[in-house]
Amino acid sequence: MTVERRLRVLITTTTYPVHGPEVMPAFVHDLAGALTAHAEVTVLAPDQVGSPRGEVVDGVDVRRFPYFLPRRLQRLALREGIPDNLRASWLARLQVPGFVAAEALAMRRLVREKGIDVVNAHWLVPQAVVAAALYRRKGPALLAHGHGGDVYLLRGLPFGRHVADFVVRHADGLVMSGSGVREVLCNLVGREVTAALQPMGVRSGLFAGAGADLDRDGAPPSEFETGFLLFVGRMIEVKGTTYLIRALPRIRELHTGLGLILIGDGPDRPRLEREVHRLGLQDAVRFMGRLPHQQIADHLRRCRAAVVPSITDRTGRTEGLPTVILEAMAARTKVIASAVGGIPDVVRHRENGWLCNEQDPESLASAVLEALEGTAGSVLERAAVTAARFDWEQVAIDYMGYLERAVATRRGKRKAA
């Protein structure tokens, strides 16, 4: 009896934890770990200071490639992400050619060494572009995953439309993080694009752990008299944190002792701190900086509601689905979010959360006040069901379907050639 060989998957990414999944965004790591139940998984990520060139983490063989010397001056793939790093650093811009070449060489080496069946490229640029250039005629299949920032970056580049079209034509499968991102890609290439919608998942066990039964409509333990609202995310324009701060005075008219805790960091933090001072909210707002996932989970379980005030920024960029939405749902916490990007794909107004207009403090305050009224038990139950659909175990099963279909598509192309 012949035992079928497990699919061999190479995940390529620019965002991957350095010291375990608590320090940098962990969604690609979580996906890779979940896929190990079904496939042999290798991850190719850029080198970071303090990271080993090779290690096995949660059953995933992680390989890193250097792209600039001296190592300490590598700037392109830091935690802020390539689009932000390109805007902030001339040195990062100088490193693009070397990065692409180093990634291509490392990818070719790993594909041969591991006998890879399918490359799963996270972000269309540069990962999917490199894989499509290397393997558009023969070699492993390509499943490209657009998360948002990559698609918006291409829209702003002189030849971005041609680059996007190149990936779409040569990928054997496409996955987008939300309908908004898919729509932007369609507009960019000038035609309808077939792409599965797949937000990243949630470690539901972590967020639904001890303390999940706190009465958030009373006064959960906190430094604020009647609890706190919670924001989790990078402090950049697209997150819309300014509008949450501006909505807070109206919310506090009815909930005098309610505070706001902001978890995260980023280039907009000084401006947000000035806005807090301008509105006289110093005693009501706490900036916590970056925190590990366990502490974020604790805050989510204790808060009165999680608020995700995302916007479409000045460049036209918005989000797919912020993972904190699913994390809050898993923690049975009320979620109030803007109706932009991929958020309405998952959040249904008054069914499993509350939606508001973007860039509108009045609309946001109204949605928060409505959410704070009553226990909303049925909303939280439906939210927990929604989160369960995106538990990493289930996402891995769905994702294996995309990978297997990409491999089948590539085999079909070979037969037709």
Protein backbone atom coordinates (compact mmCIF):
# COMPACT_ATOMS: atom_id res chain seq x y z
CA MET A 1 0.00 0.00 0.00
CA THR A 2 1.43 3.36 -1.08
CA VAL A 3 1.20 6.21 1.41
CA GLU A 4 0.55 9.54 -0.34
CA ARG A 5 3.31 12.07 0.22
CA ARG A 6 2.36 15.16 2.19
CA LEU A 7 2.25 18.40 0.26
CA ARG A 8 5.49 20.36 0.54
CA VAL A 9 4.78 24.05 1.02
CA LEU A 10 7.19 26.99 0.98
CA ILE A 11 5.73 30.11 2.58
CA THR A 12 7.54 33.31 1.60
CA THR A 13 6.98 36.45 3.63
CA THR A 14 8.55 39.70 4.76
CA THR A 15 6.86 39.72 8.19
CA TYR A 16 7.83 36.96 10.56
CA PRO A 17 8.54 36.86 14.32
CA VAL A 18 12.17 37.11 15.34
CA HIS A 19 12.06 35.96 18.97
CA GLY A 20 8.93 33.86 18.80
CA PRO A 21 5.40 34.98 17.90
CA GLU A 22 5.07 37.57 20.68
CA VAL A 23 7.34 40.30 19.27
CA MET A 24 6.33 40.89 15.64
CA PRO A 25 3.00 40.34 13.83
CA ALA A 26 2.47 36.60 14.08
CA PHE A 27 -0.25 35.73 11.57
CA VAL A 28 2.05 34.13 8.98
CA HIS A 29 3.74 32.16 11.76
CA ASP A 30 0.35 31.03 13.07
CA LEU A 31 -0.75 29.97 9.58
CA ALA A 32 2.48 28.05 9.02
CA GLY A 33 2.16 26.29 12.36
CA ALA A 34 -1.46 25.34 11.69
CA LEU A 35 -0.59 23.97 8.24
CA THR A 36 1.98 21.56 9.72
CA ALA A 37 -0.94 19.30 10.67
CA HIS A 38 -1.53 18.72 6.94
CA ALA A 39 1.70 19.48 5.07
CA GLU A 40 5.46 19.83 5.31
CA VAL A 41 5.99 23.55 5.79
CA THR A 42 9.09 25.69 5.28
CA VAL A 43 9.13 29.46 5.74
CA LEU A 44 11.48 31.81 3.91
CA ALA A 45 11.78 35.23 5.58
CA PRO A 46 14.30 38.07 5.52
CA ASP A 47 17.14 38.15 7.99
CA GLN A 48 16.79 40.26 11.13
CA VAL A 49 19.42 41.23 13.67
CA GLY A 50 19.24 38.73 16.51
CA SER A 51 17.60 35.99 14.46
CA PRO A 52 19.23 32.67 13.54
CA ARG A 53 19.57 31.89 9.83
CA GLY A 54 17.71 28.64 10.40
CA GLU A 55 15.55 27.25 13.20
CA VAL A 56 12.53 25.01 13.76
CA VAL A 57 9.63 26.77 15.52
CA ASP A 58 6.35 24.96 16.23
CA GLY A 59 7.22 22.30 13.66
CA VAL A 60 8.03 24.89 10.96
CA ASP A 61 11.47 24.97 9.32
CA VAL A 62 12.26 28.71 9.25
CA ARG A 63 15.03 29.93 6.93
CA ARG A 64 16.22 33.53 6.72
CA PHE A 65 18.16 35.25 3.96
CA PRO A 66 20.48 38.27 4.43
CA TYR A 67 20.04 41.04 1.88
CA PHE A 68 22.44 43.83 2.92
CA LEU A 69 25.79 44.20 4.66
CA PRO A 70 26.57 45.09 7.33
CA ARG A 71 23.66 43.19 8.80
CA ARG A 72 22.79 45.90 11.32
CA LEU A 73 21.96 48.30 8.46
CA GLN A 74 19.23 46.11 6.95
CA ARG A 75 16.20 48.43 6.83
CA LEU A 76 13.74 47.19 4.23
CA ALA A 77 11.98 44.41 6.13
CA LEU A 78 11.81 45.75 9.67
CA ARG A 79 8.66 45.30 11.76
CA GLU A 80 6.93 48.39 10.33
CA GLY A 81 6.57 46.62 6.97
CA ILE A 82 8.04 47.32 3.54
CA PRO A 83 5.59 50.09 2.42
CA ASP A 84 6.19 52.17 5.56
CA ASN A 85 9.94 51.49 5.50
CA LEU A 86 10.17 52.63 1.88
CA ARG A 87 8.49 55.90 2.78
CA ALA A 88 10.63 56.46 5.87
CA SER A 89 14.14 55.45 4.81
CA TRP A 90 16.29 56.21 1.79
CA LEU A 91 18.52 53.32 2.84
CA ALA A 92 15.53 50.96 2.64
CA ARG A 93 14.89 52.12 -0.93
CA LEU A 94 18.50 51.43 -1.86
CA GLN A 95 18.16 47.87 -0.56
CA VAL A 96 15.27 46.82 -2.83
CA PRO A 97 17.37 45.34 -5.70
CA GLY A 98 19.58 43.37 -3.30
CA PHE A 99 16.54 42.15 -1.40
CA VAL A 100 14.82 40.84 -4.53
CA ALA A 101 17.98 39.12 -5.76
CA ALA A 102 18.72 37.55 -2.36
CA GLU A 103 15.16 36.32 -1.98
CA ALA A 104 15.16 34.82 -5.47
CA LEU A 105 18.41 32.93 -4.83
CA ALA A 106 17.20 31.65 -1.45
CA MET A 107 13.85 30.60 -2.93
CA ARG A 108 15.46 28.64 -5.76
CA ARG A 109 17.80 26.91 -3.32
CA LEU A 110 14.99 25.89 -0.97
CA VAL A 111 12.70 24.71 -3.77
CA ARG A 112 15.44 22.33 -4.97
CA GLU A 113 16.50 21.26 -1.48
CA LYS A 114 12.98 20.57 -0.20
CA GLY A 115 11.27 19.39 -3.39
CA ILE A 116 8.62 22.08 -2.94
CA ASP A 117 5.19 21.52 -4.52
CA VAL A 118 3.73 25.00 -4.00
CA VAL A 119 5.06 28.43 -3.06
CA ASN A 120 2.63 30.39 -0.88
CA ALA A 121 3.70 34.02 -1.35
CA HIS A 122 2.42 36.43 1.28
CA TRP A 123 2.23 39.91 -0.23
CA LEU A 124 2.17 40.33 -3.99
CA VAL A 125 5.40 42.35 -3.85
CA PRO A 126 8.05 41.28 -3.74
CA GLN A 127 7.30 37.63 -2.83
CA ALA A 128 4.70 36.75 -5.49
CA VAL A 129 6.57 38.72 -8.17
CA VAL A 130 9.77 36.80 -7.45
CA ALA A 131 8.02 33.42 -7.45
CA ALA A 132 6.09 34.21 -10.65
CA ALA A 133 9.29 35.28 -12.40
CA LEU A 134 11.11 32.11 -11.34
CA TYR A 135 8.34 29.57 -11.91
CA ARG A 136 5.91 30.93 -14.48
CA ARG A 137 6.57 28.05 -16.87
CA LYS A 138 7.83 25.16 -14.75
CA GLY A 139 8.50 24.35 -11.14
CA PRO A 140 6.21 24.55 -8.12
CA ALA A 141 2.75 26.07 -8.16
CA LEU A 142 2.21 29.61 -6.88
CA LEU A 143 -0.54 30.65 -4.46
CA ALA A 144 -0.30 34.42 -3.96
CA HIS A 145 -1.91 36.08 -0.93
CA GLY A 146 -2.60 39.84 -0.95
CA HIS A 147 -3.05 41.43 2.47
CA GLY A 148 -3.76 45.03 1.53
CA GLY A 149 -0.63 47.13 1.92
CA ASP A 150 0.99 45.34 -1.02
CA VAL A 151 -1.94 45.98 -3.37
CA TYR A 152 -2.14 49.65 -2.36
CA LEU A 153 1.62 49.97 -2.82
CA LEU A 154 1.32 48.67 -6.39
CA ARG A 155 -1.49 51.11 -7.11
CA GLY A 156 0.86 53.98 -6.30
CA LEU A 157 3.82 52.77 -8.38
CA PRO A 158 4.36 53.93 -12.00
CA PHE A 159 4.37 50.36 -13.35
CA GLY A 160 2.24 48.87 -10.55
CA ARG A 161 -0.59 47.86 -12.88
CA HIS A 162 1.79 45.82 -15.04
CA VAL A 163 3.38 44.18 -12.00
CA ALA A 164 -0.04 43.26 -10.58
CA ASP A 165 -1.14 41.91 -13.95
CA PHE A 166 2.04 39.81 -14.16
CA VAL A 167 1.26 38.17 -10.81
CA VAL A 168 -2.41 37.61 -11.64
CA ARG A 169 -1.56 35.99 -14.97
CA HIS A 170 1.11 33.65 -13.62
CA ALA A 171 -0.24 32.70 -10.19
CA ASP A 172 -2.01 29.35 -9.98
CA GLY A 173 -4.28 30.69 -7.25
CA LEU A 174 -5.04 34.00 -5.55
CA VAL A 175 -6.19 34.73 -2.01
CA MET A 176 -7.15 38.19 -0.73
CA SER A 177 -7.59 39.21 2.89
CA GLY A 178 -10.89 40.98 2.19
CA SER A 179 -13.32 42.07 -0.49
CA GLY A 180 -11.99 45.64 -0.41
CA VAL A 181 -8.48 44.46 -1.27
CA ARG A 182 -9.82 42.26 -4.07
CA GLU A 183 -11.79 45.20 -5.49
CA VAL A 184 -8.66 47.38 -5.54
CA LEU A 185 -6.75 44.62 -7.34
CA CYS A 186 -9.53 44.27 -9.93
CA ASN A 187 -9.51 48.02 -10.56
CA LEU A 188 -5.72 47.99 -10.79
CA VAL A 189 -5.54 45.31 -13.49
CA GLY A 190 -8.71 46.50 -15.22
CA ARG A 191 -10.72 43.27 -15.06
CA GLU A 192 -12.43 40.87 -12.70
CA VAL A 193 -10.01 38.70 -10.77
CA THR A 194 -10.93 35.34 -9.27
CA ALA A 195 -9.58 35.30 -5.73
CA ALA A 196 -10.70 33.53 -2.57
CA LEU A 197 -11.42 35.73 0.44
CA GLN A 198 -9.51 34.53 3.48
CA PRO A 199 -8.75 36.71 6.50
CA MET A 200 -6.03 35.45 8.76
CA GLY A 201 -7.11 33.38 11.76
CA VAL A 202 -7.21 33.62 15.52
CA ARG A 203 -5.82 31.51 18.35
CA SER A 204 -9.27 31.30 19.89
CA GLY A 205 -8.13 29.25 22.88
CA LEU A 206 -5.81 32.04 23.99
CA PHE A 207 -8.47 34.74 23.82
CA ALA A 208 -11.34 32.67 25.22
CA GLY A 209 -9.38 31.59 28.30
CA ALA A 210 -9.79 32.29 31.99
CA GLY A 211 -11.53 35.53 32.77
CA ALA A 212 -13.77 35.45 29.73
CA ASP A 213 -16.86 35.46 31.94
CA LEU A 214 -16.24 38.94 33.39
CA ASP A 215 -19.30 41.19 33.47
CA ARG A 216 -18.19 43.85 31.01
CA ASP A 217 -21.45 45.78 31.42
CA GLY A 218 -20.59 46.35 35.05
CA ALA A 219 -17.19 47.58 36.14
CA PRO A 220 -14.40 45.11 35.30
CA PRO A 221 -11.18 45.53 37.26
CA SER A 222 -9.22 48.47 35.87
CA GLU A 223 -7.73 51.78 36.89
CA PHE A 224 -10.83 53.49 35.48
CA GLU A 225 -13.99 53.81 37.53
CA THR A 226 -16.32 52.13 35.03
CA GLY A 227 -13.87 50.16 32.91
CA PHE A 228 -12.27 50.98 29.59
CA LEU A 229 -12.53 50.81 25.83
CA LEU A 230 -9.62 49.15 24.03
CA PHE A 231 -7.75 49.88 20.81
CA VAL A 232 -5.07 47.47 19.55
CA GLY A 233 -3.00 48.20 16.47
CA ARG A 234 -0.23 50.18 14.83
CA MET A 235 -0.48 53.92 15.29
CA ILE A 236 -0.69 54.93 11.66
CA GLU A 237 -3.26 56.94 9.73
CA VAL A 238 -5.20 53.99 8.30
CA LYS A 239 -6.05 52.75 11.82
CA GLY A 240 -8.18 55.87 12.44
CA THR A 241 -7.19 56.19 16.11
CA THR A 242 -7.62 59.98 15.98
CA TYR A 243 -11.37 59.58 15.46
CA LEU A 244 -11.68 57.29 18.46
CA ILE A 245 -9.95 59.86 20.68
CA ARG A 246 -12.25 62.57 19.32
CA ALA A 247 -15.31 60.39 20.02
CA LEU A 248 -14.32 59.79 23.63
CA PRO A 249 -15.65 63.08 25.15
CA ARG A 250 -19.16 62.36 23.89
CA ILE A 251 -19.01 58.77 25.13
CA ARG A 252 -17.87 59.98 28.55
CA GLU A 253 -20.85 62.32 28.82
CA LEU A 254 -22.92 59.20 29.60
CA HIS A 255 -20.10 57.02 30.98
CA THR A 256 -18.13 59.49 33.08
CA GLY A 257 -15.60 57.06 34.52
CA LEU A 258 -14.89 55.21 31.27
CA GLY A 259 -11.30 55.21 30.03
CA LEU A 260 -9.49 54.33 26.82
CA ILE A 261 -6.43 52.07 26.60
CA LEU A 262 -4.34 52.14 23.43
CA ILE A 263 -2.05 49.16 22.78
CA GLY A 264 0.52 49.51 20.03
CA ASP A 265 3.02 51.98 18.69
CA GLY A 266 3.94 53.70 15.48
CA PRO A 267 4.86 56.99 13.84
CA ASP A 268 1.51 58.64 14.68
CA ARG A 269 1.85 58.17 18.43
CA PRO A 270 3.25 61.69 19.15
CA ARG A 271 0.40 63.26 17.18
CA LEU A 272 -2.18 61.15 19.02
CA GLU A 273 -0.67 62.12 22.37
CA ARG A 274 -0.97 65.78 21.39
CA GLU A 275 -4.62 65.21 20.46
CA VAL A 276 -5.29 63.68 23.88
CA HIS A 277 -3.78 66.76 25.54
CA ARG A 278 -5.70 69.13 23.26
CA LEU A 279 -8.98 67.54 24.35
CA GLY A 280 -7.98 67.43 28.01
CA LEU A 281 -8.21 63.64 28.16
CA GLN A 282 -4.90 62.92 29.89
CA ASP A 283 -6.62 61.23 32.83
CA ALA A 284 -8.86 59.15 30.57
CA VAL A 285 -6.37 57.72 28.05
CA ARG A 286 -3.44 55.35 28.56
CA PHE A 287 -0.79 54.59 25.92
CA MET A 288 0.55 51.11 26.67
CA GLY A 289 2.95 50.61 23.75
CA ARG A 290 3.53 47.16 22.26
CA LEU A 291 2.46 44.23 24.43
CA PRO A 292 2.80 40.44 23.99
CA HIS A 293 -0.24 38.48 22.87
CA GLN A 294 -1.00 37.13 26.33
CA GLN A 295 -1.32 40.64 27.76
CA ILE A 296 -3.43 41.73 24.81
CA ALA A 297 -5.73 38.77 25.48
CA ASP A 298 -6.03 39.81 29.13
CA HIS A 299 -6.98 43.37 28.13
CA LEU A 300 -9.52 42.11 25.61
CA ARG A 301 -11.21 39.96 28.23
CA ARG A 302 -11.36 42.87 30.69
CA CYS A 303 -12.43 45.75 28.45
CA ARG A 304 -15.98 46.99 28.01
CA ALA A 305 -15.57 46.95 24.22
CA ALA A 306 -12.87 46.74 21.55
CA VAL A 307 -12.95 49.59 19.02
CA VAL A 308 -11.48 49.33 15.51
CA PRO A 309 -11.92 52.78 13.88
CA SER A 310 -10.12 52.00 10.59
CA ILE A 311 -10.32 54.48 7.72
CA THR A 312 -9.40 54.96 4.09
CA ASP A 313 -6.29 57.12 4.32
CA ARG A 314 -5.11 59.96 2.08
CA THR A 315 -3.49 57.55 -0.37
CA GLY A 316 -6.70 55.52 -0.71
CA ARG A 317 -5.31 52.68 1.39
CA THR A 318 -7.53 50.79 3.81
CA GLU A 319 -7.41 47.45 5.62
CA GLY A 320 -8.33 43.86 4.95
CA LEU A 321 -9.55 42.51 8.28
CA PRO A 322 -7.65 43.58 11.41
CA THR A 323 -7.01 40.42 13.42
CA VAL A 324 -8.00 42.14 16.67
CA ILE A 325 -11.62 41.91 15.51
CA LEU A 326 -11.55 38.11 15.57
CA GLU A 327 -9.51 38.11 18.77
CA ALA A 328 -12.14 40.27 20.48
CA MET A 329 -14.93 38.06 19.20
CA ALA A 330 -13.14 34.98 20.53
CA ALA A 331 -12.85 36.73 23.90
CA ARG A 332 -16.63 37.43 23.83
CA THR A 333 -15.95 41.14 23.82
CA LYS A 334 -18.16 43.66 22.06
CA VAL A 335 -16.64 44.93 18.81
CA ILE A 336 -17.29 48.33 17.24
CA ALA A 337 -15.61 48.87 13.86
CA SER A 338 -15.71 51.10 10.80
CA ALA A 339 -17.47 49.76 7.73
CA VAL A 340 -14.40 49.86 5.47
CA GLY A 341 -12.20 47.36 3.62
CA GLY A 342 -12.77 43.74 4.58
CA ILE A 343 -14.37 44.54 7.95
CA PRO A 344 -18.02 44.24 6.74
CA ASP A 345 -17.12 40.82 5.30
CA VAL A 346 -17.07 39.55 8.90
CA VAL A 347 -18.74 42.12 11.18
CA ARG A 348 -22.52 42.32 10.77
CA HIS A 349 -24.14 45.37 12.34
CA ARG A 350 -26.07 44.48 15.51
CA GLU A 351 -25.68 40.76 14.73
CA ASN A 352 -22.13 39.98 15.89
CA GLY A 353 -20.85 43.52 16.41
CA TRP A 354 -21.51 47.15 15.56
CA LEU A 355 -20.47 49.12 12.49
CA CYS A 356 -20.02 52.86 12.10
CA ASN A 357 -19.08 55.34 9.40
CA GLU A 358 -15.37 55.92 8.93
CA GLN A 359 -13.72 59.22 9.90
CA ASP A 360 -16.88 60.18 11.81
CA PRO A 361 -16.49 60.64 15.60
CA GLU A 362 -20.24 61.15 16.04
CA SER A 363 -21.12 57.91 14.27
CA LEU A 364 -18.40 56.09 16.20
CA ALA A 365 -19.58 57.47 19.55
CA SER A 366 -23.18 56.49 18.77
CA ALA A 367 -22.16 52.93 17.92
CA VAL A 368 -20.08 52.63 21.11
CA LEU A 369 -22.91 53.99 23.27
CA GLU A 370 -25.36 51.57 21.72
CA ALA A 371 -22.97 48.66 22.30
CA LEU A 372 -22.50 49.64 25.94
CA GLU A 373 -26.26 49.52 26.59
CA GLY A 374 -27.49 46.16 27.92
CA THR A 375 -25.71 42.84 27.97
CA ALA A 376 -26.03 42.03 24.23
CA GLY A 377 -25.66 38.32 25.03
CA SER A 378 -26.97 37.14 21.66
CA VAL A 379 -24.52 39.42 19.82
CA LEU A 380 -21.61 38.02 21.80
CA GLU A 381 -22.76 34.44 21.17
CA ARG A 382 -22.87 35.04 17.44
CA ALA A 383 -19.49 36.78 17.63
CA ALA A 384 -17.99 33.71 19.31
CA VAL A 385 -19.43 31.51 16.53
CA THR A 386 -17.88 33.84 13.95
CA ALA A 387 -14.48 33.63 15.67
CA ALA A 388 -14.69 29.83 15.74
CA ARG A 389 -15.01 29.84 11.94
CA PHE A 390 -11.63 31.55 11.80
CA ASP A 391 -9.82 29.46 14.38
CA TRP A 392 -6.43 28.55 12.96
CA GLU A 393 -7.32 24.84 12.78
CA GLN A 394 -10.27 25.65 10.52
CA VAL A 395 -8.33 28.24 8.52
CA ALA A 396 -5.62 25.63 7.90
CA ILE A 397 -8.18 23.21 6.48
CA ASP A 398 -9.57 25.90 4.18
CA TYR A 399 -6.08 27.02 3.21
CA MET A 400 -5.04 23.51 2.28
CA GLY A 401 -7.88 23.58 -0.23
CA TYR A 402 -6.42 26.69 -1.87
CA LEU A 403 -2.94 25.14 -1.94
CA GLU A 404 -4.14 21.84 -3.40
CA ARG A 405 -6.18 23.61 -6.08
CA ALA A 406 -3.13 25.69 -7.01
CA VAL A 407 -1.08 22.50 -7.42
CA ALA A 408 -3.82 20.93 -9.53
CA THR A 409 -3.99 24.07 -11.70
CA ARG A 410 -0.23 23.97 -12.28
CA ARG A 411 -0.42 20.29 -13.27
CA GLY A 412 -3.19 21.13 -15.70
CA LYS A 413 -1.04 23.84 -17.29
CA ARG A 414 1.82 21.37 -17.73
CA LYS A 415 -0.40 18.87 -19.50
CA ALA A 416 -1.77 21.57 -21.77
CA ALA A 417 1.71 22.87 -22.67
